[in-house]
PDB file of all heavy atoms in Angstrom:
ATOM      1  N   SER A   1      91.923 103.775  99.168  1.00  0.00           N
ATOM      2  CA  SER A   1      91.433 104.656  98.117  1.00  0.00           C
ATOM      3  C   SER A   1      90.974 103.871  96.903  1.00  0.00           C
ATOM      4  O   SER A   1      89.861 104.060  96.424  1.00  0.00           O
ATOM      5  CB  SER A   1      92.513 105.666  97.715  1.00  0.00           C
ATOM      6  OG  SER A   1      92.032 106.567  96.752  1.00  0.00           O
ATOM      7  N   CYS A   2      91.821 102.981  96.407  1.00  0.00           N
ATOM      8  CA  CYS A   2      91.499 102.266  95.172  1.00  0.00           C
ATOM      9  C   CYS A   2      90.707 100.990  95.467  1.00  0.00           C
ATOM     10  O   CYS A   2      90.704 100.499  96.598  1.00  0.00           O
ATOM     11  CB  CYS A   2      92.774 101.932  94.399  1.00  0.00           C
ATOM     12  SG  CYS A   2      93.894 100.818  95.265  1.00  0.00           S
ATOM     13  N   PRO A   3      90.017 100.415  94.463  1.00  0.00           N
ATOM     14  CA  PRO A   3      89.183  99.230  94.688  1.00  0.00           C
ATOM     15  C   PRO A   3      89.955  98.018  95.206  1.00  0.00           C
ATOM     16  O   PRO A   3      89.393  97.174  95.912  1.00  0.00           O
ATOM     17  CB  PRO A   3      88.593  98.945  93.299  1.00  0.00           C
ATOM     18  CG  PRO A   3      88.662 100.246  92.573  1.00  0.00           C
ATOM     19  CD  PRO A   3      89.877 100.934  93.090  1.00  0.00           C
ATOM     20  N   SER A   4      91.251  97.924  94.891  1.00  0.00           N
ATOM     21  CA  SER A   4      92.037  96.776  95.347  1.00  0.00           C
ATOM     22  C   SER A   4      92.571  96.969  96.764  1.00  0.00           C
ATOM     23  O   SER A   4      93.209  96.062  97.309  1.00  0.00           O
ATOM     24  CB  SER A   4      93.212  96.530  94.392  1.00  0.00           C
ATOM     25  OG  SER A   4      94.054  97.667  94.330  1.00  0.00           O
ATOM     26  N   ASP A   5      92.283  98.105  97.381  1.00  0.00           N
ATOM     27  CA  ASP A   5      92.726  98.398  98.741  1.00  0.00           C
ATOM     28  C   ASP A   5      94.207  98.101  98.915  1.00  0.00           C
ATOM     29  O   ASP A   5      94.627  97.336  99.784  1.00  0.00           O
ATOM     30  CB  ASP A   5      91.908  97.598  99.767  1.00  0.00           C
ATOM     31  CG  ASP A   5      92.301  97.911 101.213  1.00  0.00           C
ATOM     32  OD1 ASP A   5      92.700  99.056 101.465  1.00  0.00           O
ATOM     33  OD2 ASP A   5      92.226  97.002 102.067  1.00  0.00           O
ATOM     34  N   CYS A   6      95.046  98.731  98.091  1.00  0.00           N
ATOM     35  CA  CYS A   6      96.487  98.477  98.200  1.00  0.00           C
ATOM     36  C   CYS A   6      97.060  99.023  99.499  1.00  0.00           C
ATOM     37  O   CYS A   6      98.175  98.669  99.883  1.00  0.00           O
ATOM     38  CB  CYS A   6      97.229  99.042  96.991  1.00  0.00           C
ATOM     39  SG  CYS A   6      97.209 100.838  96.864  1.00  0.00           S
ATOM     40  N   ALA A   7      96.300  99.842 100.221  1.00  0.00           N
ATOM     41  CA  ALA A   7      96.748 100.321 101.527  1.00  0.00           C
ATOM     42  C   ALA A   7      96.556  99.274 102.615  1.00  0.00           C
ATOM     43  O   ALA A   7      97.060  99.428 103.721  1.00  0.00           O
ATOM     44  CB  ALA A   7      95.995 101.594 101.916  1.00  0.00           C
ATOM     45  N   GLN A   8      95.813  98.221 102.326  1.00  0.00           N
ATOM     46  CA  GLN A   8      95.572  97.124 103.276  1.00  0.00           C
ATOM     47  C   GLN A   8      94.998  97.637 104.602  1.00  0.00           C
ATOM     48  O   GLN A   8      95.443  97.280 105.690  1.00  0.00           O
ATOM     49  CB  GLN A   8      96.862  96.336 103.509  1.00  0.00           C
ATOM     50  CG  GLN A   8      97.414  95.720 102.217  1.00  0.00           C
ATOM     51  CD  GLN A   8      98.827  95.209 102.345  1.00  0.00           C
ATOM     52  OE1 GLN A   8      99.579  95.644 103.212  1.00  0.00           O
ATOM     53  NE2 GLN A   8      99.210  94.282 101.475  1.00  0.00           N
ATOM     54  N   ALA A   9      93.981  98.468 104.478  1.00  0.00           N
ATOM     55  CA  ALA A   9      93.387  99.098 105.657  1.00  0.00           C
ATOM     56  C   ALA A   9      92.854  98.109 106.693  1.00  0.00           C
ATOM     57  O   ALA A   9      92.942  98.381 107.896  1.00  0.00           O
ATOM     58  CB  ALA A   9      92.274 100.054 105.223  1.00  0.00           C
ATOM     59  N   PRO A  10      92.312  96.932 106.320  1.00  0.00           N
ATOM     60  CA  PRO A  10      91.741  96.043 107.333  1.00  0.00           C
ATOM     61  C   PRO A  10      92.741  95.426 108.300  1.00  0.00           C
ATOM     62  O   PRO A  10      92.335  94.783 109.267  1.00  0.00           O
ATOM     63  CB  PRO A  10      91.064  94.944 106.498  1.00  0.00           C
ATOM     64  CG  PRO A  10      90.811  95.561 105.179  1.00  0.00           C
ATOM     65  CD  PRO A  10      91.968  96.471 104.960  1.00  0.00           C
ATOM     66  N   ILE A  11      94.058  95.566 108.071  1.00  0.00           N
ATOM     67  CA  ILE A  11      95.017  95.024 109.030  1.00  0.00           C
ATOM     68  C   ILE A  11      95.617  96.132 109.891  1.00  0.00           C
ATOM     69  O   ILE A  11      96.685  95.958 110.480  1.00  0.00           O
ATOM     70  CB  ILE A  11      96.126  94.212 108.330  1.00  0.00           C
ATOM     71  CG1 ILE A  11      96.894  95.066 107.330  1.00  0.00           C
ATOM     72  CG2 ILE A  11      95.539  92.977 107.660  1.00  0.00           C
ATOM     73  CD1 ILE A  11      98.129  94.380 106.759  1.00  0.00           C
ATOM     74  N   ASN A  12      94.915  97.259 109.978  1.00  0.00           N
ATOM     75  CA  ASN A  12      95.352  98.380 110.797  1.00  0.00           C
ATOM     76  C   ASN A  12      94.419  98.580 111.987  1.00  0.00           C
ATOM     77  O   ASN A  12      93.281  98.102 111.995  1.00  0.00           O
ATOM     78  CB  ASN A  12      95.400  99.655 109.957  1.00  0.00           C
ATOM     79  CG  ASN A  12      96.593  99.693 109.020  1.00  0.00           C
ATOM     80  OD1 ASN A  12      97.618 100.280 109.327  1.00  0.00           O
ATOM     81  ND2 ASN A  12      96.463  99.043 107.868  1.00  0.00           N
ATOM     82  N   ASP A  13      94.903  99.324 112.979  1.00  0.00           N
ATOM     83  CA  ASP A  13      94.073  99.624 114.142  1.00  0.00           C
ATOM     84  C   ASP A  13      92.867 100.466 113.759  1.00  0.00           C
ATOM     85  O   ASP A  13      91.792 100.323 114.334  1.00  0.00           O
ATOM     86  CB  ASP A  13      94.900 100.337 115.208  1.00  0.00           C
ATOM     87  CG  ASP A  13      95.989  99.436 115.768  1.00  0.00           C
ATOM     88  OD1 ASP A  13      95.665  98.482 116.485  1.00  0.00           O
ATOM     89  OD2 ASP A  13      97.172  99.676 115.459  1.00  0.00           O
ATOM     90  N   ILE A  14      93.044 101.375 112.789  1.00  0.00           N
ATOM     91  CA  ILE A  14      91.917 102.086 112.182  1.00  0.00           C
ATOM     92  C   ILE A  14      92.110 102.060 110.678  1.00  0.00           C
ATOM     93  O   ILE A  14      93.194 102.357 110.173  1.00  0.00           O
ATOM     94  CB  ILE A  14      91.811 103.555 112.648  1.00  0.00           C
ATOM     95  CG1 ILE A  14      91.730 103.665 114.166  1.00  0.00           C
ATOM     96  CG2 ILE A  14      90.580 104.216 112.020  1.00  0.00           C
ATOM     97  CD1 ILE A  14      91.632 105.099 114.676  1.00  0.00           C
ATOM     98  N   GLY A  15      91.058 101.702 109.954  1.00  0.00           N
ATOM     99  CA  GLY A  15      91.079 101.729 108.505  1.00  0.00           C
ATOM    100  C   GLY A  15      89.953 102.591 107.974  1.00  0.00           C
ATOM    101  O   GLY A  15      88.798 102.464 108.416  1.00  0.00           O
ATOM    102  N   PHE A  16      90.284 103.495 107.045  1.00  0.00           N
ATOM    103  CA  PHE A  16      89.302 104.392 106.439  1.00  0.00           C
ATOM    104  C   PHE A  16      89.067 103.987 104.985  1.00  0.00           C
ATOM    105  O   PHE A  16      90.026 103.761 104.229  1.00  0.00           O
ATOM    106  CB  PHE A  16      89.796 105.835 106.475  1.00  0.00           C
ATOM    107  CG  PHE A  16      89.766 106.478 107.834  1.00  0.00           C
ATOM    108  CD1 PHE A  16      90.850 106.385 108.695  1.00  0.00           C
ATOM    109  CD2 PHE A  16      88.645 107.184 108.252  1.00  0.00           C
ATOM    110  CE1 PHE A  16      90.822 106.985 109.935  1.00  0.00           C
ATOM    111  CE2 PHE A  16      88.604 107.784 109.500  1.00  0.00           C
ATOM    112  CZ  PHE A  16      89.704 107.684 110.343  1.00  0.00           C
ATOM    113  N   PHE A  17      87.784 103.943 104.586  1.00  0.00           N
ATOM    114  CA  PHE A  17      87.412 103.637 103.209  1.00  0.00           C
ATOM    115  C   PHE A  17      86.523 104.772 102.691  1.00  0.00           C
ATOM    116  O   PHE A  17      85.504 105.092 103.313  1.00  0.00           O
ATOM    117  CB  PHE A  17      86.656 102.311 103.123  1.00  0.00           C
ATOM    118  CG  PHE A  17      87.483 101.123 103.510  1.00  0.00           C
ATOM    119  CD1 PHE A  17      87.567 100.726 104.840  1.00  0.00           C
ATOM    120  CD2 PHE A  17      88.189 100.410 102.559  1.00  0.00           C
ATOM    121  CE1 PHE A  17      88.331  99.628 105.210  1.00  0.00           C
ATOM    122  CE2 PHE A  17      88.952  99.307 102.913  1.00  0.00           C
ATOM    123  CZ  PHE A  17      89.026  98.918 104.240  1.00  0.00           C
ATOM    124  N   PRO A  18      86.882 105.402 101.575  1.00  0.00           N
ATOM    125  CA  PRO A  18      86.122 106.566 101.101  1.00  0.00           C
ATOM    126  C   PRO A  18      84.731 106.198 100.607  1.00  0.00           C
ATOM    127  O   PRO A  18      84.535 105.152  99.987  1.00  0.00           O
ATOM    128  CB  PRO A  18      86.991 107.107  99.965  1.00  0.00           C
ATOM    129  CG  PRO A  18      87.773 105.924  99.488  1.00  0.00           C
ATOM    130  CD  PRO A  18      88.009 105.070 100.692  1.00  0.00           C
ATOM    131  N   HIS A  19      83.776 107.056 100.903  1.00  0.00           N
ATOM    132  CA  HIS A  19      82.401 106.909 100.424  1.00  0.00           C
ATOM    133  C   HIS A  19      81.837 108.294 100.119  1.00  0.00           C
ATOM    134  O   HIS A  19      82.306 109.296 100.661  1.00  0.00           O
ATOM    135  CB  HIS A  19      81.513 106.209 101.464  1.00  0.00           C
ATOM    136  CG  HIS A  19      81.755 104.750 101.584  1.00  0.00           C
ATOM    137  ND1 HIS A  19      81.259 103.826 100.697  1.00  0.00           N
ATOM    138  CD2 HIS A  19      82.467 104.036 102.487  1.00  0.00           C
ATOM    139  CE1 HIS A  19      81.649 102.617 101.048  1.00  0.00           C
ATOM    140  NE2 HIS A  19      82.384 102.717 102.133  1.00  0.00           N
ATOM    141  N   VAL A  20      80.837 108.320  99.269  1.00  0.00           N
ATOM    142  CA  VAL A  20      80.090 109.547  99.014  1.00  0.00           C
ATOM    143  C   VAL A  20      78.623 109.248  99.261  1.00  0.00           C
ATOM    144  O   VAL A  20      78.060 108.323  98.669  1.00  0.00           O
ATOM    145  CB  VAL A  20      80.305 110.057  97.573  1.00  0.00           C
ATOM    146  CG1 VAL A  20      79.400 111.256  97.302  1.00  0.00           C
ATOM    147  CG2 VAL A  20      81.758 110.433  97.349  1.00  0.00           C
ATOM    148  N   ARG A  21      78.001 110.002 100.160  1.00  0.00           N
ATOM    149  CA  ARG A  21      76.589 109.795 100.510  1.00  0.00           C
ATOM    150  C   ARG A  21      75.838 111.099 100.301  1.00  0.00           C
ATOM    151  O   ARG A  21      76.176 112.117 100.915  1.00  0.00           O
ATOM    152  CB  ARG A  21      76.459 109.325 101.965  1.00  0.00           C
ATOM    153  CG  ARG A  21      75.036 109.140 102.435  1.00  0.00           C
ATOM    154  CD  ARG A  21      74.988 108.657 103.874  1.00  0.00           C
ATOM    155  NE  ARG A  21      75.452 107.272 103.997  1.00  0.00           N
ATOM    156  CZ  ARG A  21      75.463 106.610 105.157  1.00  0.00           C
ATOM    157  NH1 ARG A  21      75.066 107.217 106.272  1.00  0.00           N
ATOM    158  NH2 ARG A  21      75.887 105.355 105.188  1.00  0.00           N
ATOM    159  N   ASP A  22      74.852 111.048  99.419  1.00  0.00           N
ATOM    160  CA  ASP A  22      74.057 112.242  99.110  1.00  0.00           C
ATOM    161  C   ASP A  22      74.950 113.418  98.713  1.00  0.00           C
ATOM    162  O   ASP A  22      74.732 114.567  99.119  1.00  0.00           O
ATOM    163  CB  ASP A  22      73.174 112.633 100.311  1.00  0.00           C
ATOM    164  CG  ASP A  22      72.184 111.542 100.673  1.00  0.00           C
ATOM    165  OD1 ASP A  22      71.727 110.834  99.755  1.00  0.00           O
ATOM    166  OD2 ASP A  22      71.896 111.381 101.876  1.00  0.00           O
ATOM    167  N   GLY A  23      75.973 113.100  97.925  1.00  0.00           N
ATOM    168  CA  GLY A  23      76.885 114.120  97.451  1.00  0.00           C
ATOM    169  C   GLY A  23      77.916 114.580  98.460  1.00  0.00           C
ATOM    170  O   GLY A  23      78.727 115.461  98.172  1.00  0.00           O
ATOM    171  N   LYS A  24      77.921 113.999  99.663  1.00  0.00           N
ATOM    172  CA  LYS A  24      78.831 114.406 100.730  1.00  0.00           C
ATOM    173  C   LYS A  24      79.950 113.383 100.880  1.00  0.00           C
ATOM    174  O   LYS A  24      79.692 112.181 100.943  1.00  0.00           O
ATOM    175  CB  LYS A  24      78.064 114.543 102.052  1.00  0.00           C
ATOM    176  CG  LYS A  24      78.850 115.179 103.175  1.00  0.00           C
ATOM    177  CD  LYS A  24      77.961 115.358 104.400  1.00  0.00           C
ATOM    178  CE  LYS A  24      78.701 116.059 105.527  1.00  0.00           C
ATOM    179  NZ  LYS A  24      79.093 117.429 105.164  1.00  0.00           N
ATOM    180  N   ARG A  25      81.185 113.849 100.952  1.00  0.00           N
ATOM    181  CA  ARG A  25      82.329 112.963 101.096  1.00  0.00           C
ATOM    182  C   ARG A  25      82.473 112.483 102.534  1.00  0.00           C
ATOM    183  O   ARG A  25      82.245 113.251 103.482  1.00  0.00           O
ATOM    184  CB  ARG A  25      83.622 113.671 100.674  1.00  0.00           C
ATOM    185  CG  ARG A  25      83.695 113.999  99.194  1.00  0.00           C
ATOM    186  CD  ARG A  25      84.979 114.746  98.883  1.00  0.00           C
ATOM    187  NE  ARG A  25      85.143 114.947  97.453  1.00  0.00           N
ATOM    188  CZ  ARG A  25      86.196 115.522  96.900  1.00  0.00           C
ATOM    189  NH1 ARG A  25      87.177 115.978  97.673  1.00  0.00           N
ATOM    190  NH2 ARG A  25      86.274 115.655  95.584  1.00  0.00           N
ATOM    191  N   GLY A  26      82.872 111.242 102.662  1.00  0.00           N
ATOM    192  CA  GLY A  26      83.083 110.701 103.997  1.00  0.00           C
ATOM    193  C   GLY A  26      83.804 109.368 103.945  1.00  0.00           C
ATOM    194  O   GLY A  26      84.293 108.938 102.896  1.00  0.00           O
ATOM    195  N   PHE A  27      83.854 108.702 105.081  1.00  0.00           N
ATOM    196  CA  PHE A  27      84.547 107.419 105.196  1.00  0.00           C
ATOM    197  C   PHE A  27      83.677 106.422 105.967  1.00  0.00           C
ATOM    198  O   PHE A  27      82.960 106.807 106.896  1.00  0.00           O
ATOM    199  CB  PHE A  27      85.862 107.563 105.971  1.00  0.00           C
ATOM    200  CG  PHE A  27      86.872 108.449 105.318  1.00  0.00           C
ATOM    201  CD1 PHE A  27      87.075 109.747 105.780  1.00  0.00           C
ATOM    202  CD2 PHE A  27      87.643 107.995 104.258  1.00  0.00           C
ATOM    203  CE1 PHE A  27      88.024 110.569 105.201  1.00  0.00           C
ATOM    204  CE2 PHE A  27      88.598 108.808 103.666  1.00  0.00           C
ATOM    205  CZ  PHE A  27      88.789 110.091 104.138  1.00  0.00           C
ATOM    206  N   SER A  28      83.767 105.165 105.572  1.00  0.00           N
ATOM    207  CA  SER A  28      83.368 104.113 106.495  1.00  0.00           C
ATOM    208  C   SER A  28      84.610 103.782 107.318  1.00  0.00           C
ATOM    209  O   SER A  28      85.727 103.788 106.797  1.00  0.00           O
ATOM    210  CB  SER A  28      82.861 102.873 105.755  1.00  0.00           C
ATOM    211  OG  SER A  28      83.874 102.319 104.928  1.00  0.00           O
ATOM    212  N   VAL A  29      84.419 103.542 108.610  1.00  0.00           N
ATOM    213  CA  VAL A  29      85.541 103.408 109.533  1.00  0.00           C
ATOM    214  C   VAL A  29      85.548 102.015 110.140  1.00  0.00           C
ATOM    215  O   VAL A  29      84.535 101.550 110.674  1.00  0.00           O
ATOM    216  CB  VAL A  29      85.472 104.465 110.651  1.00  0.00           C
ATOM    217  CG1 VAL A  29      86.690 104.367 111.561  1.00  0.00           C
ATOM    218  CG2 VAL A  29      85.373 105.869 110.050  1.00  0.00           C
ATOM    219  N   TYR A  30      86.688 101.363 110.037  1.00  0.00           N
ATOM    220  CA  TYR A  30      86.898 100.037 110.619  1.00  0.00           C
ATOM    221  C   TYR A  30      87.982 100.146 111.689  1.00  0.00           C
ATOM    222  O   TYR A  30      88.828 101.038 111.639  1.00  0.00           O
ATOM    223  CB  TYR A  30      87.329  99.043 109.544  1.00  0.00           C
ATOM    224  CG  TYR A  30      86.216  98.578 108.629  1.00  0.00           C
ATOM    225  CD1 TYR A  30      85.509  99.490 107.836  1.00  0.00           C
ATOM    226  CD2 TYR A  30      85.846  97.239 108.566  1.00  0.00           C
ATOM    227  CE1 TYR A  30      84.485  99.075 107.002  1.00  0.00           C
ATOM    228  CE2 TYR A  30      84.825  96.811 107.725  1.00  0.00           C
ATOM    229  CZ  TYR A  30      84.152  97.737 106.951  1.00  0.00           C
ATOM    230  OH  TYR A  30      83.124  97.315 106.138  1.00  0.00           O
ATOM    231  N   ALA A  31      87.957  99.231 112.655  1.00  0.00           N
ATOM    232  CA  ALA A  31      88.934  99.292 113.736  1.00  0.00           C
ATOM    233  C   ALA A  31      89.332  97.900 114.201  1.00  0.00           C
ATOM    234  O   ALA A  31      88.613  96.923 113.994  1.00  0.00           O
ATOM    235  CB  ALA A  31      88.389 100.096 114.918  1.00  0.00           C
ATOM    236  N   ALA A  32      90.493  97.833 114.823  1.00  0.00           N
ATOM    237  CA  ALA A  32      91.000  96.652 115.530  1.00  0.00           C
ATOM    238  C   ALA A  32      91.613  95.589 114.632  1.00  0.00           C
ATOM    239  O   ALA A  32      91.680  94.426 115.004  1.00  0.00           O
ATOM    240  CB  ALA A  32      89.913  96.033 116.413  1.00  0.00           C
ATOM    241  N   GLY A  33      92.100  95.978 113.470  1.00  0.00           N
ATOM    242  CA  GLY A  33      92.810  95.026 112.632  1.00  0.00           C
ATOM    243  C   GLY A  33      94.259  94.880 113.057  1.00  0.00           C
ATOM    244  O   GLY A  33      94.816  95.741 113.725  1.00  0.00           O
ATOM    245  N   GLY A  34      94.868  93.774 112.674  1.00  0.00           N
ATOM    246  CA  GLY A  34      96.281  93.575 112.985  1.00  0.00           C
ATOM    247  C   GLY A  34      96.752  92.206 112.528  1.00  0.00           C
ATOM    248  O   GLY A  34      95.945  91.303 112.293  1.00  0.00           O
ATOM    249  N   LEU A  35      98.058  92.058 112.397  1.00  0.00           N
ATOM    250  CA  LEU A  35      98.645  90.786 111.999  1.00  0.00           C
ATOM    251  C   LEU A  35      99.274  90.126 113.225  1.00  0.00           C
ATOM    252  O   LEU A  35      98.645  90.024 114.247  1.00  0.00           O
ATOM    253  CB  LEU A  35      99.660  91.011 110.876  1.00  0.00           C
ATOM    254  CG  LEU A  35      99.054  91.518 109.554  1.00  0.00           C
ATOM    255  CD1 LEU A  35     100.149  91.743 108.522  1.00  0.00           C
ATOM    256  CD2 LEU A  35      98.021  90.532 109.019  1.00  0.00           C
ATOM    257  N   GLY A  36     100.509  89.656 113.115  1.00  0.00           N
ATOM    258  CA  GLY A  36     101.143  88.986 114.247  1.00  0.00           C
ATOM    259  C   GLY A  36     100.691  87.552 114.372  1.00  0.00           C
ATOM    260  O   GLY A  36     100.099  86.963 113.449  1.00  0.00           O
ATOM    261  N   PRO A  37     100.936  86.928 115.539  1.00  0.00           N
ATOM    262  CA  PRO A  37     100.609  85.510 115.717  1.00  0.00           C
ATOM    263  C   PRO A  37      99.109  85.201 115.602  1.00  0.00           C
ATOM    264  O   PRO A  37      98.738  84.088 115.272  1.00  0.00           O
ATOM    265  CB  PRO A  37     101.111  85.186 117.120  1.00  0.00           C
ATOM    266  CG  PRO A  37     101.888  86.350 117.577  1.00  0.00           C
ATOM    267  CD  PRO A  37     101.549  87.515 116.711  1.00  0.00           C
ATOM    268  N   GLN A  38      98.271  86.190 115.906  1.00  0.00           N
ATOM    269  CA  GLN A  38      96.819  86.000 115.827  1.00  0.00           C
ATOM    270  C   GLN A  38      96.226  87.091 114.932  1.00  0.00           C
ATOM    271  O   GLN A  38      95.685  88.081 115.419  1.00  0.00           O
ATOM    272  CB  GLN A  38      96.194  86.046 117.219  1.00  0.00           C
ATOM    273  CG  GLN A  38      96.626  84.897 118.122  1.00  0.00           C
ATOM    274  CD  GLN A  38      95.969  84.956 119.489  1.00  0.00           C
ATOM    275  OE1 GLN A  38      95.972  85.983 120.162  1.00  0.00           O
ATOM    276  NE2 GLN A  38      95.397  83.841 119.904  1.00  0.00           N
ATOM    277  N   PRO A  39      96.324  86.931 113.623  1.00  0.00           N
ATOM    278  CA  PRO A  39      95.813  87.972 112.716  1.00  0.00           C
ATOM    279  C   PRO A  39      94.317  88.176 112.876  1.00  0.00           C
ATOM    280  O   PRO A  39      93.570  87.223 113.134  1.00  0.00           O
ATOM    281  CB  PRO A  39      96.164  87.434 111.325  1.00  0.00           C
ATOM    282  CG  PRO A  39      96.389  85.978 111.506  1.00  0.00           C
ATOM    283  CD  PRO A  39      96.890  85.792 112.897  1.00  0.00           C
ATOM    284  N   PHE A  40      93.894  89.422 112.724  1.00  0.00           N
ATOM    285  CA  PHE A  40      92.497  89.780 112.964  1.00  0.00           C
ATOM    286  C   PHE A  40      92.147  90.929 112.024  1.00  0.00           C
ATOM    287  O   PHE A  40      92.830  91.958 112.010  1.00  0.00           O
ATOM    288  CB  PHE A  40      92.338  90.220 114.426  1.00  0.00           C
ATOM    289  CG  PHE A  40      90.909  90.386 114.879  1.00  0.00           C
ATOM    290  CD1 PHE A  40      90.145  89.285 115.233  1.00  0.00           C
ATOM    291  CD2 PHE A  40      90.337  91.649 114.969  1.00  0.00           C
ATOM    292  CE1 PHE A  40      88.837  89.445 115.679  1.00  0.00           C
ATOM    293  CE2 PHE A  40      89.036  91.816 115.402  1.00  0.00           C
ATOM    294  CZ  PHE A  40      88.282  90.703 115.759  1.00  0.00           C
ATOM    295  N   LEU A  41      91.107  90.754 111.234  1.00  0.00           N
ATOM    296  CA  LEU A  41      90.689  91.808 110.309  1.00  0.00           C
ATOM    297  C   LEU A  41      89.855  92.854 111.040  1.00  0.00           C
ATOM    298  O   LEU A  41      89.026  92.521 111.899  1.00  0.00           O
ATOM    299  CB  LEU A  41      89.889  91.220 109.149  1.00  0.00           C
ATOM    300  CG  LEU A  41      90.672  90.359 108.163  1.00  0.00           C
ATOM    301  CD1 LEU A  41      89.744  89.814 107.095  1.00  0.00           C
ATOM    302  CD2 LEU A  41      91.797  91.158 107.513  1.00  0.00           C
ATOM    303  N   ALA A  42      90.065  94.106 110.711  1.00  0.00           N
ATOM    304  CA  ALA A  42      89.320  95.203 111.328  1.00  0.00           C
ATOM    305  C   ALA A  42      87.820  95.024 111.121  1.00  0.00           C
ATOM    306  O   ALA A  42      87.376  94.487 110.109  1.00  0.00           O
ATOM    307  CB  ALA A  42      89.783  96.539 110.756  1.00  0.00           C
ATOM    308  N   ARG A  43      87.065  95.477 112.100  1.00  0.00           N
ATOM    309  CA  ARG A  43      85.609  95.363 112.073  1.00  0.00           C
ATOM    310  C   ARG A  43      84.979  96.746 111.901  1.00  0.00           C
ATOM    311  O   ARG A  43      85.549  97.754 112.318  1.00  0.00           O
ATOM    312  CB  ARG A  43      85.092  94.727 113.374  1.00  0.00           C
ATOM    313  CG  ARG A  43      85.641  93.332 113.652  1.00  0.00           C
ATOM    314  CD  ARG A  43      85.257  92.339 112.561  1.00  0.00           C
ATOM    315  NE  ARG A  43      85.428  90.962 112.976  1.00  0.00           N
ATOM    316  CZ  ARG A  43      86.463  90.196 112.688  1.00  0.00           C
ATOM    317  NH1 ARG A  43      87.461  90.694 111.962  1.00  0.00           N
ATOM    318  NH2 ARG A  43      86.529  88.939 113.110  1.00  0.00           N
ATOM    319  N   PRO A  44      83.776  96.810 111.304  1.00  0.00           N
ATOM    320  CA  PRO A  44      83.143  98.119 111.086  1.00  0.00           C
ATOM    321  C   PRO A  44      82.760  98.803 112.396  1.00  0.00           C
ATOM    322  O   PRO A  44      82.194  98.183 113.290  1.00  0.00           O
ATOM    323  CB  PRO A  44      81.908  97.775 110.246  1.00  0.00           C
ATOM    324  CG  PRO A  44      81.660  96.313 110.478  1.00  0.00           C
ATOM    325  CD  PRO A  44      82.982  95.700 110.741  1.00  0.00           C
TER     326      PRO A  44
END
C-alpha cells in the first residue's frame, strides 16, 4: 500500500501493488517471490 512497501510484497507467492488507471482502481500483480536458501523476487 505505502511507497516503502512495508508489506514486502515481492517476497510472496503473489504480491499486489495498488494502481489507478483512468480513474479505475486496480493492482499490478507479481508472482513467484520467496526467501529461503535461494531467495527470488516476484516477477510481474
